[in-house]
Amino acid sequence: MGKSSVRDSVKLTSVDDLFSTEESRAEQQREKIMDISLSEISDFPNHPFKVNSDEAMLVIADSVKKYGVMVPGLVRPKEGGGYEMVSGHRRKKASELAGRNTMPCIVRKMDDDESTIAMVDSNLQREIITPSEKAFAYKMKLEALKRKAGRPKENVSQVGTQKRSDQILADQSDDSRNQIQRYIRLTNLAPAILEMVDEKQIAFNPAVELSYLAENEQKDLLDTMQLEECTPSLAQAQRMKKLSQDGRLNKDVIFSILTEEKPNQKEKFTIRSERVERFFPSSFTEKQKEDLIVQLLESWYKKRQRDQER
């Protein structure tokens, strides 16, 4: 073999090696759908969305048992092995309830901020989201956007070059920038008070005002609400916030505010949900419950009228 043939052979081998290397790199970058053992998938750290074993979950589990998981979850590889769930926590729970050992997942390489943004975006599509879920989700995504933008924590943009991170978040969601900041305020509430917000015992606007109270003030407020079985109106919450800022809020003041007679208190009639909840199917909405109560009262009233006419 001549020198020229040897050189051509060397060149050919080098090109083959280079092509193989590029091909293998491209293959590694491709997203794959794999059946992954549930035991290898860990939950997303501080996942803000609840995964409840309620009636809706049982419906999903029944579907998974019959047909399998129709939409793959999204996971990212962990450095120490295994995978971290980004999107699909409910599908994973349903798979466990259905007795399955694996579920199909898209495997995607993502850094911490990319995975946080993807996790929040996928879960914000849920039909029902509690205020606390939205609050912590917005907070996590906003912090991730700030880190990706490399901007200071004050969230100030360079004039004419970039949008504020919270404006970017607003552009990508159904809430305005101010409303997003109000949701994030809820993360300052004591867990027990935030739970009352989720259960609609405390309205959103008063809850935002209460989020400015100090930790000890929130504890006094919670104790008083439980003792007196009442919650603050927006006006009362605003007064407590102002008194807290002035350093004049204490347990006695909280008690006096909560126990004062509200303008519409005499006309207001309420039934505690725990007294009547057992009479309704679990699928009933609040509107359906109200309609049924009114219907039964109308029947009772007509019967009473007939009895009186006899």
C-alpha atoms as a PDB file:
ATOM      1  CA  MET A   1       0.000   0.000   0.000  1.00  0.00           C
ATOM      2  CA  GLY A   2       1.413   3.399  -1.015  1.00  0.00           C
ATOM      3  CA  LYS A   3       1.766   6.431   1.206  1.00  0.00           C
ATOM      4  CA  SER A   4      -1.266   8.060  -0.436  1.00  0.00           C
ATOM      5  CA  SER A   5      -3.487   5.068   0.395  1.00  0.00           C
ATOM      6  CA  VAL A   6      -2.330   5.092   3.994  1.00  0.00           C
ATOM      7  CA  ARG A   7      -3.167   8.800   4.326  1.00  0.00           C
ATOM      8  CA  ASP A   8      -6.625   8.267   2.782  1.00  0.00           C
ATOM      9  CA  SER A   9      -7.270   5.405   5.153  1.00  0.00           C
ATOM     10  CA  VAL A  10      -6.314   7.540   8.155  1.00  0.00           C
ATOM     11  CA  LYS A  11      -8.534  10.384   6.942  1.00  0.00           C
ATOM     12  CA  LEU A  12     -11.471   8.032   6.394  1.00  0.00           C
ATOM     13  CA  THR A  13     -11.124   6.540   9.850  1.00  0.00           C
ATOM     14  CA  SER A  14     -10.999   9.992  11.439  1.00  0.00           C
ATOM     15  CA  VAL A  15     -14.162  11.101   9.614  1.00  0.00           C
ATOM     16  CA  ASP A  16     -15.965   7.928  10.681  1.00  0.00           C
ATOM     17  CA  ASP A  17     -14.933   8.467  14.264  1.00  0.00           C
ATOM     18  CA  LEU A  18     -16.008  12.100  14.145  1.00  0.00           C
ATOM     19  CA  PHE A  19     -19.381  11.194  12.617  1.00  0.00           C
ATOM     20  CA  SER A  20     -19.967   8.511  15.228  1.00  0.00           C
ATOM     21  CA  THR A  21     -19.111  10.919  18.010  1.00  0.00           C
ATOM     22  CA  GLU A  22     -21.514  13.590  16.692  1.00  0.00           C
ATOM     23  CA  GLU A  23     -24.211  10.981  16.180  1.00  0.00           C
ATOM     24  CA  SER A  24     -23.836   9.695  19.724  1.00  0.00           C
ATOM     25  CA  ARG A  25     -23.925  13.250  21.073  1.00  0.00           C
ATOM     26  CA  ALA A  26     -27.098  13.979  19.119  1.00  0.00           C
ATOM     27  CA  GLU A  27     -28.609  10.741  20.399  1.00  0.00           C
ATOM     28  CA  GLN A  28     -27.821  11.756  23.970  1.00  0.00           C
ATOM     29  CA  GLN A  29     -29.534  15.128  23.426  1.00  0.00           C
ATOM     30  CA  ARG A  30     -32.725  13.570  22.055  1.00  0.00           C
ATOM     31  CA  GLU A  31     -35.649  13.325  24.445  1.00  0.00           C
ATOM     32  CA  LYS A  32     -36.768   9.779  25.076  1.00  0.00           C
ATOM     33  CA  ILE A  33     -39.990   8.309  26.350  1.00  0.00           C
ATOM     34  CA  MET A  34     -39.142   5.512  28.741  1.00  0.00           C
ATOM     35  CA  ASP A  35     -41.091   3.271  31.091  1.00  0.00           C
ATOM     36  CA  ILE A  36     -39.471   4.172  34.415  1.00  0.00           C
ATOM     37  CA  SER A  37     -39.902   2.378  37.716  1.00  0.00           C
ATOM     38  CA  LEU A  38     -41.936   4.469  40.136  1.00  0.00           C
ATOM     39  CA  SER A  39     -39.391   3.736  42.839  1.00  0.00           C
ATOM     40  CA  GLU A  40     -36.756   5.572  40.774  1.00  0.00           C
ATOM     41  CA  ILE A  41     -38.813   8.783  40.540  1.00  0.00           C
ATOM     42  CA  SER A  42     -38.618  11.243  43.426  1.00  0.00           C
ATOM     43  CA  ASP A  43     -40.972  14.192  43.890  1.00  0.00           C
ATOM     44  CA  PHE A  44     -39.975  17.713  42.907  1.00  0.00           C
ATOM     45  CA  PRO A  45     -38.418  19.474  45.951  1.00  0.00           C
ATOM     46  CA  ASN A  46     -40.951  21.709  47.741  1.00  0.00           C
ATOM     47  CA  HIS A  47     -43.602  20.832  45.167  1.00  0.00           C
ATOM     48  CA  PRO A  48     -46.325  23.454  45.802  1.00  0.00           C
ATOM     49  CA  PHE A  49     -49.239  21.540  44.271  1.00  0.00           C
ATOM     50  CA  LYS A  50     -51.145  19.086  46.442  1.00  0.00           C
ATOM     51  CA  VAL A  51     -51.635  15.485  45.334  1.00  0.00           C
ATOM     52  CA  ASN A  52     -54.747  14.348  47.191  1.00  0.00           C
ATOM     53  CA  SER A  53     -56.151  10.828  47.339  1.00  0.00           C
ATOM     54  CA  ASP A  54     -59.659  12.149  46.757  1.00  0.00           C
ATOM     55  CA  GLU A  55     -62.512  11.017  44.533  1.00  0.00           C
ATOM     56  CA  ALA A  56     -60.990  12.664  41.464  1.00  0.00           C
ATOM     57  CA  MET A  57     -57.741  10.769  42.070  1.00  0.00           C
ATOM     58  CA  LEU A  58     -59.641   7.481  42.297  1.00  0.00           C
ATOM     59  CA  VAL A  59     -61.186   8.223  38.895  1.00  0.00           C
ATOM     60  CA  ILE A  60     -57.723   8.817  37.415  1.00  0.00           C
ATOM     61  CA  ALA A  61     -56.394   5.642  39.057  1.00  0.00           C
ATOM     62  CA  ASP A  62     -59.269   3.624  37.591  1.00  0.00           C
ATOM     63  CA  SER A  63     -58.477   4.988  34.127  1.00  0.00           C
ATOM     64  CA  VAL A  64     -54.783   4.183  34.552  1.00  0.00           C
ATOM     65  CA  LYS A  65     -55.680   0.665  35.664  1.00  0.00           C
ATOM     66  CA  LYS A  66     -57.728   0.120  32.504  1.00  0.00           C
ATOM     67  CA  TYR A  67     -55.760   2.007  29.869  1.00  0.00           C
ATOM     68  CA  GLY A  68     -52.406   2.923  31.406  1.00  0.00           C
ATOM     69  CA  VAL A  69     -50.931   6.427  31.564  1.00  0.00           C
ATOM     70  CA  MET A  70     -51.963   8.068  28.284  1.00  0.00           C
ATOM     71  CA  VAL A  71     -49.826  11.226  28.638  1.00  0.00           C
ATOM     72  CA  PRO A  72     -46.191  10.656  29.680  1.00  0.00           C
ATOM     73  CA  GLY A  73     -44.831  12.473  32.699  1.00  0.00           C
ATOM     74  CA  LEU A  74     -41.770  14.710  32.498  1.00  0.00           C
ATOM     75  CA  VAL A  75     -38.666  13.856  34.525  1.00  0.00           C
ATOM     76  CA  ARG A  76     -35.063  14.937  34.636  1.00  0.00           C
ATOM     77  CA  PRO A  77     -32.076  12.720  35.473  1.00  0.00           C
ATOM     78  CA  LYS A  78     -30.587  13.155  38.959  1.00  0.00           C
ATOM     79  CA  GLU A  79     -26.840  13.337  39.423  1.00  0.00           C
ATOM     80  CA  GLY A  80     -26.775  10.502  41.911  1.00  0.00           C
ATOM     81  CA  GLY A  81     -28.997   8.279  39.786  1.00  0.00           C
ATOM     82  CA  GLY A  82     -32.730   8.000  39.401  1.00  0.00           C
ATOM     83  CA  TYR A  83     -35.075  10.724  38.228  1.00  0.00           C
ATOM     84  CA  GLU A  84     -36.865  13.780  39.585  1.00  0.00           C
ATOM     85  CA  MET A  85     -40.493  14.361  38.642  1.00  0.00           C
ATOM     86  CA  VAL A  86     -41.147  17.692  36.935  1.00  0.00           C
ATOM     87  CA  SER A  87     -44.659  17.135  35.637  1.00  0.00           C
ATOM     88  CA  GLY A  88     -46.853  14.143  36.413  1.00  0.00           C
ATOM     89  CA  HIS A  89     -47.115  13.858  40.200  1.00  0.00           C
ATOM     90  CA  ARG A  90     -50.812  12.985  40.026  1.00  0.00           C
ATOM     91  CA  ARG A  91     -50.217  10.440  37.272  1.00  0.00           C
ATOM     92  CA  LYS A  92     -47.531   8.859  39.413  1.00  0.00           C
ATOM     93  CA  LYS A  93     -49.889   8.683  42.410  1.00  0.00           C
ATOM     94  CA  ALA A  94     -52.635   7.240  40.211  1.00  0.00           C
ATOM     95  CA  SER A  95     -50.204   4.622  38.893  1.00  0.00           C
ATOM     96  CA  GLU A  96     -49.353   3.616  42.470  1.00  0.00           C
ATOM     97  CA  LEU A  97     -53.050   3.314  43.367  1.00  0.00           C
ATOM     98  CA  ALA A  98     -53.642   1.298  40.199  1.00  0.00           C
ATOM     99  CA  GLY A  99     -50.962  -1.197  41.243  1.00  0.00           C
ATOM    100  CA  ARG A 100     -48.545  -0.348  38.440  1.00  0.00           C
ATOM    101  CA  ASN A 101     -44.792  -0.406  38.952  1.00  0.00           C
ATOM    102  CA  THR A 102     -43.782   1.879  36.080  1.00  0.00           C
ATOM    103  CA  MET A 103     -45.058   4.859  34.133  1.00  0.00           C
ATOM    104  CA  PRO A 104     -44.030   6.369  30.785  1.00  0.00           C
ATOM    105  CA  CYS A 105     -41.963   9.531  31.110  1.00  0.00           C
ATOM    106  CA  ILE A 106     -40.150  11.970  28.866  1.00  0.00           C
ATOM    107  CA  VAL A 107     -36.565  12.231  30.087  1.00  0.00           C
ATOM    108  CA  ARG A 108     -35.207  15.743  29.639  1.00  0.00           C
ATOM    109  CA  LYS A 109     -31.986  17.307  30.867  1.00  0.00           C
ATOM    110  CA  MET A 110     -32.821  20.553  32.678  1.00  0.00           C
ATOM    111  CA  ASP A 111     -31.122  22.723  35.257  1.00  0.00           C
ATOM    112  CA  ASP A 112     -32.866  23.698  38.507  1.00  0.00           C
ATOM    113  CA  ASP A 113     -34.433  26.888  37.165  1.00  0.00           C
ATOM    114  CA  GLU A 114     -35.606  25.348  33.887  1.00  0.00           C
ATOM    115  CA  SER A 115     -37.230  22.467  35.753  1.00  0.00           C
ATOM    116  CA  THR A 116     -38.905  24.845  38.236  1.00  0.00           C
ATOM    117  CA  ILE A 117     -40.411  26.915  35.418  1.00  0.00           C
ATOM    118  CA  ALA A 118     -41.590  23.790  33.589  1.00  0.00           C
ATOM    119  CA  MET A 119     -43.087  22.349  36.793  1.00  0.00           C
ATOM    120  CA  VAL A 120     -45.055  25.510  37.552  1.00  0.00           C
ATOM    121  CA  ASP A 121     -46.246  26.047  33.974  1.00  0.00           C
ATOM    122  CA  SER A 122     -47.527  22.490  33.615  1.00  0.00           C
ATOM    123  CA  ASN A 123     -49.392  22.521  36.940  1.00  0.00           C
ATOM    124  CA  LEU A 124     -50.966  25.960  36.484  1.00  0.00           C
ATOM    125  CA  GLN A 125     -53.048  24.336  33.749  1.00  0.00           C
ATOM    126  CA  ARG A 126     -55.006  22.431  36.403  1.00  0.00           C
ATOM    127  CA  GLU A 127     -58.728  23.138  36.519  1.00  0.00           C
ATOM    128  CA  ILE A 128     -58.779  23.693  40.284  1.00  0.00           C
ATOM    129  CA  ILE A 129     -55.892  25.456  42.047  1.00  0.00           C
ATOM    130  CA  THR A 130     -56.001  26.658  45.651  1.00  0.00           C
ATOM    131  CA  PRO A 131     -54.691  30.119  46.607  1.00  0.00           C
ATOM    132  CA  SER A 132     -51.764  28.566  48.529  1.00  0.00           C
ATOM    133  CA  GLU A 133     -50.751  26.432  45.536  1.00  0.00           C
ATOM    134  CA  LYS A 134     -50.777  29.424  43.227  1.00  0.00           C
ATOM    135  CA  ALA A 135     -48.954  31.556  45.807  1.00  0.00           C
ATOM    136  CA  PHE A 136     -45.989  29.219  46.261  1.00  0.00           C
ATOM    137  CA  ALA A 137     -45.914  28.321  42.552  1.00  0.00           C
ATOM    138  CA  TYR A 138     -45.694  31.987  41.537  1.00  0.00           C
ATOM    139  CA  LYS A 139     -42.998  32.593  44.149  1.00  0.00           C
ATOM    140  CA  MET A 140     -40.891  29.657  42.923  1.00  0.00           C
ATOM    141  CA  LYS A 141     -41.206  30.615  39.256  1.00  0.00           C
ATOM    142  CA  LEU A 142     -40.468  34.298  39.901  1.00  0.00           C
ATOM    143  CA  GLU A 143     -37.291  33.413  41.799  1.00  0.00           C
ATOM    144  CA  ALA A 144     -36.242  31.084  38.955  1.00  0.00           C
ATOM    145  CA  LEU A 145     -36.869  33.795  36.345  1.00  0.00           C
ATOM    146  CA  LYS A 146     -34.784  36.271  38.348  1.00  0.00           C
ATOM    147  CA  ARG A 147     -31.876  33.834  38.578  1.00  0.00           C
ATOM    148  CA  LYS A 148     -32.040  33.063  34.860  1.00  0.00           C
ATOM    149  CA  ALA A 149     -32.085  36.759  34.032  1.00  0.00           C
ATOM    150  CA  GLY A 150     -29.081  37.328  36.301  1.00  0.00           C
ATOM    151  CA  ARG A 151     -30.658  40.425  37.759  1.00  0.00           C
ATOM    152  CA  PRO A 152     -30.455  41.697  41.346  1.00  0.00           C
ATOM    153  CA  LYS A 153     -33.037  40.616  43.891  1.00  0.00           C
ATOM    154  CA  GLU A 154     -34.692  44.053  43.813  1.00  0.00           C
ATOM    155  CA  ASN A 155     -36.039  42.985  40.425  1.00  0.00           C
ATOM    156  CA  VAL A 156     -35.058  46.236  38.697  1.00  0.00           C
ATOM    157  CA  SER A 157     -34.505  45.987  34.953  1.00  0.00           C
ATOM    158  CA  GLN A 158     -32.144  47.964  32.774  1.00  0.00           C
ATOM    159  CA  VAL A 159     -34.264  50.662  31.159  1.00  0.00           C
ATOM    160  CA  GLY A 160     -35.156  49.808  27.584  1.00  0.00           C
ATOM    161  CA  THR A 161     -33.421  46.426  27.568  1.00  0.00           C
ATOM    162  CA  GLN A 162     -35.372  43.881  29.598  1.00  0.00           C
ATOM    163  CA  LYS A 163     -38.734  43.460  31.268  1.00  0.00           C
ATOM    164  CA  ARG A 164     -39.058  42.965  34.988  1.00  0.00           C
ATOM    165  CA  SER A 165     -39.184  39.302  35.919  1.00  0.00           C
ATOM    166  CA  ASP A 166     -42.625  39.706  37.484  1.00  0.00           C
ATOM    167  CA  GLN A 167     -43.909  41.297  34.253  1.00  0.00           C
ATOM    168  CA  ILE A 168     -42.567  38.327  32.277  1.00  0.00           C
ATOM    169  CA  LEU A 169     -44.376  36.054  34.728  1.00  0.00           C
ATOM    170  CA  ALA A 170     -47.583  38.069  34.268  1.00  0.00           C
ATOM    171  CA  ASP A 171     -47.276  37.833  30.486  1.00  0.00           C
ATOM    172  CA  GLN A 172     -47.144  34.054  30.826  1.00  0.00           C
ATOM    173  CA  SER A 173     -50.110  33.724  33.202  1.00  0.00           C
ATOM    174  CA  ASP A 174     -53.717  34.809  33.622  1.00  0.00           C
ATOM    175  CA  ASP A 175     -52.950  37.213  36.489  1.00  0.00           C
ATOM    176  CA  SER A 176     -51.590  40.759  36.386  1.00  0.00           C
ATOM    177  CA  ARG A 177     -48.215  41.687  37.857  1.00  0.00           C
ATOM    178  CA  ASN A 178     -49.876  43.265  40.915  1.00  0.00           C
ATOM    179  CA  GLN A 179     -52.160  40.289  41.437  1.00  0.00           C
ATOM    180  CA  ILE A 180     -49.191  37.926  41.271  1.00  0.00           C
ATOM    181  CA  GLN A 181     -47.430  39.952  43.967  1.00  0.00           C
ATOM    182  CA  ARG A 182     -50.608  39.750  46.085  1.00  0.00           C
ATOM    183  CA  TYR A 183     -50.676  35.974  45.707  1.00  0.00           C
ATOM    184  CA  ILE A 184     -47.017  35.763  46.729  1.00  0.00           C
ATOM    185  CA  ARG A 185     -47.857  37.790  49.863  1.00  0.00           C
ATOM    186  CA  LEU A 186     -49.924  34.807  51.028  1.00  0.00           C
ATOM    187  CA  THR A 187     -46.728  32.795  51.524  1.00  0.00           C
ATOM    188  CA  ASN A 188     -46.112  34.978  54.597  1.00  0.00           C
ATOM    189  CA  LEU A 189     -49.226  33.645  56.317  1.00  0.00           C
ATOM    190  CA  ALA A 190     -49.048  31.054  59.083  1.00  0.00           C
ATOM    191  CA  PRO A 191     -49.848  27.601  57.632  1.00  0.00           C
ATOM    192  CA  ALA A 192     -53.066  27.279  59.656  1.00  0.00           C
ATOM    193  CA  ILE A 193     -54.353  30.665  58.443  1.00  0.00           C
ATOM    194  CA  LEU A 194     -53.350  29.882  54.854  1.00  0.00           C
ATOM    195  CA  GLU A 195     -55.322  26.650  55.124  1.00  0.00           C
ATOM    196  CA  MET A 196     -58.372  28.705  56.109  1.00  0.00           C
ATOM    197  CA  VAL A 197     -57.877  30.731  52.930  1.00  0.00           C
ATOM    198  CA  ASP A 198     -57.801  27.524  50.856  1.00  0.00           C
ATOM    199  CA  GLU A 199     -60.990  26.364  52.573  1.00  0.00           C
ATOM    200  CA  LYS A 200     -62.636  29.746  51.800  1.00  0.00           C
ATOM    201  CA  GLN A 201     -63.112  30.529  55.474  1.00  0.00           C
ATOM    202  CA  ILE A 202     -61.046  33.695  54.920  1.00  0.00           C
ATOM    203  CA  ALA A 203     -61.462  35.647  51.681  1.00  0.00           C
ATOM    204  CA  PHE A 204     -58.481  36.468  49.472  1.00  0.00           C
ATOM    205  CA  ASN A 205     -58.381  40.247  50.007  1.00  0.00           C
ATOM    206  CA  PRO A 206     -58.446  40.133  53.837  1.00  0.00           C
ATOM    207  CA  ALA A 207     -55.834  37.353  53.691  1.00  0.00           C
ATOM    208  CA  VAL A 208     -53.434  39.607  51.765  1.00  0.00           C
ATOM    209  CA  GLU A 209     -53.779  42.286  54.460  1.00  0.00           C
ATOM    210  CA  LEU A 210     -53.250  39.729  57.240  1.00  0.00           C
ATOM    211  CA  SER A 211     -50.012  38.566  55.578  1.00  0.00           C
ATOM    212  CA  TYR A 212     -48.360  41.774  56.835  1.00  0.00           C
ATOM    213  CA  LEU A 213     -48.902  40.790  60.486  1.00  0.00           C
ATOM    214  CA  ALA A 214     -45.917  39.517  62.463  1.00  0.00           C
ATOM    215  CA  GLU A 215     -45.675  35.830  63.335  1.00  0.00           C
ATOM    216  CA  ASN A 216     -46.751  36.315  66.976  1.00  0.00           C
ATOM    217  CA  GLU A 217     -49.634  38.559  65.876  1.00  0.00           C
ATOM    218  CA  GLN A 218     -50.845  35.896  63.449  1.00  0.00           C
ATOM    219  CA  LYS A 219     -50.746  33.337  66.261  1.00  0.00           C
ATOM    220  CA  ASP A 220     -52.880  35.603  68.468  1.00  0.00           C
ATOM    221  CA  LEU A 221     -55.251  36.137  65.561  1.00  0.00           C
ATOM    222  CA  LEU A 222     -55.565  32.392  64.937  1.00  0.00           C
ATOM    223  CA  ASP A 223     -56.262  31.700  68.629  1.00  0.00           C
ATOM    224  CA  THR A 224     -58.954  34.390  68.691  1.00  0.00           C
ATOM    225  CA  MET A 225     -60.597  33.209  65.457  1.00  0.00           C
ATOM    226  CA  GLN A 226     -60.795  29.654  66.774  1.00  0.00           C
ATOM    227  CA  LEU A 227     -62.099  30.739  70.176  1.00  0.00           C
ATOM    228  CA  GLU A 228     -64.737  33.142  68.837  1.00  0.00           C
ATOM    229  CA  GLU A 229     -65.500  31.147  65.680  1.00  0.00           C
ATOM    230  CA  CYS A 230     -65.180  34.199  63.458  1.00  0.00           C
ATOM    231  CA  THR A 231     -62.914  35.606  60.752  1.00  0.00           C
ATOM    232  CA  PRO A 232     -62.013  39.218  59.891  1.00  0.00           C
ATOM    233  CA  SER A 233     -63.666  41.274  57.175  1.00  0.00           C
ATOM    234  CA  LEU A 234     -61.510  43.258  54.757  1.00  0.00           C
ATOM    235  CA  ALA A 235     -61.966  46.437  56.799  1.00  0.00           C
ATOM    236  CA  GLN A 236     -60.983  44.636  60.010  1.00  0.00           C
ATOM    237  CA  ALA A 237     -57.935  43.080  58.368  1.00  0.00           C
ATOM    238  CA  GLN A 238     -56.839  46.494  57.081  1.00  0.00           C
ATOM    239  CA  ARG A 239     -57.181  47.957  60.576  1.00  0.00           C
ATOM    240  CA  MET A 240     -55.092  45.163  62.077  1.00  0.00           C
ATOM    241  CA  LYS A 241     -52.408  45.689  59.426  1.00  0.00           C
ATOM    242  CA  LYS A 242     -52.251  49.432  60.226  1.00  0.00           C
ATOM    243  CA  LEU A 243     -52.123  48.795  63.980  1.00  0.00           C
ATOM    244  CA  SER A 244     -49.373  46.220  63.445  1.00  0.00           C
ATOM    245  CA  GLN A 245     -47.321  48.715  61.452  1.00  0.00           C
ATOM    246  CA  ASP A 246     -47.787  51.238  64.261  1.00  0.00           C
ATOM    247  CA  GLY A 247     -46.728  48.675  66.884  1.00  0.00           C
ATOM    248  CA  ARG A 248     -50.128  48.799  68.610  1.00  0.00           C
ATOM    249  CA  LEU A 249     -51.570  45.380  67.773  1.00  0.00           C
ATOM    250  CA  ASN A 250     -51.895  42.794  70.548  1.00  0.00           C
ATOM    251  CA  LYS A 251     -54.235  39.970  71.526  1.00  0.00           C
ATOM    252  CA  ASP A 252     -56.704  42.251  73.326  1.00  0.00           C
ATOM    253  CA  VAL A 253     -56.928  44.594  70.341  1.00  0.00           C
ATOM    254  CA  ILE A 254     -57.416  41.651  67.981  1.00  0.00           C
ATOM    255  CA  PHE A 255     -60.222  40.363  70.231  1.00  0.00           C
ATOM    256  CA  SER A 256     -61.980  43.727  70.328  1.00  0.00           C
ATOM    257  CA  ILE A 257     -61.810  44.074  66.542  1.00  0.00           C
ATOM    258  CA  LEU A 258     -63.053  40.565  65.780  1.00  0.00           C
ATOM    259  CA  THR A 259     -65.922  40.649  68.269  1.00  0.00           C
ATOM    260  CA  GLU A 260     -67.330  44.028  67.259  1.00  0.00           C
ATOM    261  CA  GLU A 261     -70.669  43.977  65.486  1.00  0.00           C
ATOM    262  CA  LYS A 262     -70.284  44.255  61.725  1.00  0.00           C
ATOM    263  CA  PRO A 263     -72.691  46.457  59.720  1.00  0.00           C
ATOM    264  CA  ASN A 264     -74.380  43.492  58.078  1.00  0.00           C
ATOM    265  CA  GLN A 265     -74.054  41.087  60.979  1.00  0.00           C
ATOM    266  CA  LYS A 266     -77.755  41.121  61.936  1.00  0.00           C
ATOM    267  CA  GLU A 267     -78.847  40.268  58.413  1.00  0.00           C
ATOM    268  CA  LYS A 268     -76.245  37.568  57.861  1.00  0.00           C
ATOM    269  CA  PHE A 269     -77.212  33.933  58.338  1.00  0.00           C
ATOM    270  CA  THR A 270     -74.664  31.147  57.926  1.00  0.00           C
ATOM    271  CA  ILE A 271     -74.546  27.408  58.401  1.00  0.00           C
ATOM    272  CA  ARG A 272     -71.248  25.827  59.333  1.00  0.00           C
ATOM    273  CA  SER A 273     -70.283  23.444  56.542  1.00  0.00           C
ATOM    274  CA  GLU A 274     -69.328  20.567  58.856  1.00  0.00           C
ATOM    275  CA  ARG A 275     -72.947  20.421  60.098  1.00  0.00           C
ATOM    276  CA  VAL A 276     -74.432  19.718  56.658  1.00  0.00           C
ATOM    277  CA  GLU A 277     -71.553  18.380  54.549  1.00  0.00           C
ATOM    278  CA  ARG A 278     -72.458  14.736  55.206  1.00  0.00           C
ATOM    279  CA  PHE A 279     -75.871  15.165  53.573  1.00  0.00           C
ATOM    280  CA  PHE A 280     -74.463  16.021  50.128  1.00  0.00           C
ATOM    281  CA  PRO A 281     -72.776  13.842  47.486  1.00  0.00           C
ATOM    282  CA  SER A 282     -69.058  14.578  47.387  1.00  0.00           C
ATOM    283  CA  SER A 283     -69.366  15.698  43.750  1.00  0.00           C
ATOM    284  CA  PHE A 284     -71.758  18.570  44.610  1.00  0.00           C
ATOM    285  CA  THR A 285     -70.535  22.114  44.017  1.00  0.00           C
ATOM    286  CA  GLU A 286     -71.289  24.944  46.466  1.00  0.00           C
ATOM    287  CA  LYS A 287     -73.974  26.213  44.056  1.00  0.00           C
ATOM    288  CA  GLN A 288     -75.649  22.784  43.911  1.00  0.00           C
ATOM    289  CA  LYS A 289     -75.672  22.575  47.712  1.00  0.00           C
ATOM    290  CA  GLU A 290     -77.238  26.023  47.996  1.00  0.00           C
ATOM    291  CA  ASP A 291     -79.887  25.195  45.366  1.00  0.00           C
ATOM    292  CA  LEU A 292     -80.822  21.969  47.148  1.00  0.00           C
ATOM    293  CA  ILE A 293     -81.143  23.692  50.525  1.00  0.00           C
ATOM    294  CA  VAL A 294     -83.410  26.365  49.025  1.00  0.00           C
ATOM    295  CA  GLN A 295     -85.482  23.699  47.244  1.00  0.00           C
ATOM    296  CA  LEU A 296     -85.998  21.740  50.476  1.00  0.00           C
ATOM    297  CA  LEU A 297     -86.909  24.896  52.394  1.00  0.00           C
ATOM    298  CA  GLU A 298     -89.464  25.816  49.750  1.00  0.00           C
ATOM    299  CA  SER A 299     -91.018  22.345  50.043  1.00  0.00           C
ATOM    300  CA  TRP A 300     -91.104  22.649  53.823  1.00  0.00           C
ATOM    301  CA  TYR A 301     -92.628  26.130  53.631  1.00  0.00           C
ATOM    302  CA  LYS A 302     -95.398  25.018  51.236  1.00  0.00           C
ATOM    303  CA  LYS A 303     -96.221  22.023  53.442  1.00  0.00           C
ATOM    304  CA  ARG A 304     -96.364  24.304  56.493  1.00  0.00           C
ATOM    305  CA  GLN A 305     -98.706  26.670  54.655  1.00  0.00           C
ATOM    306  CA  ARG A 306    -101.009  23.795  53.709  1.00  0.00           C
ATOM    307  CA  ASP A 307    -101.048  22.516  57.288  1.00  0.00           C
ATOM    308  CA  GLN A 308    -102.015  25.983  58.580  1.00  0.00           C
ATOM    309  CA  GLU A 309    -104.876  26.285  56.086  1.00  0.00           C
ATOM    310  CA  ARG A 310    -106.525  23.078  57.312  1.00  0.00           C
END
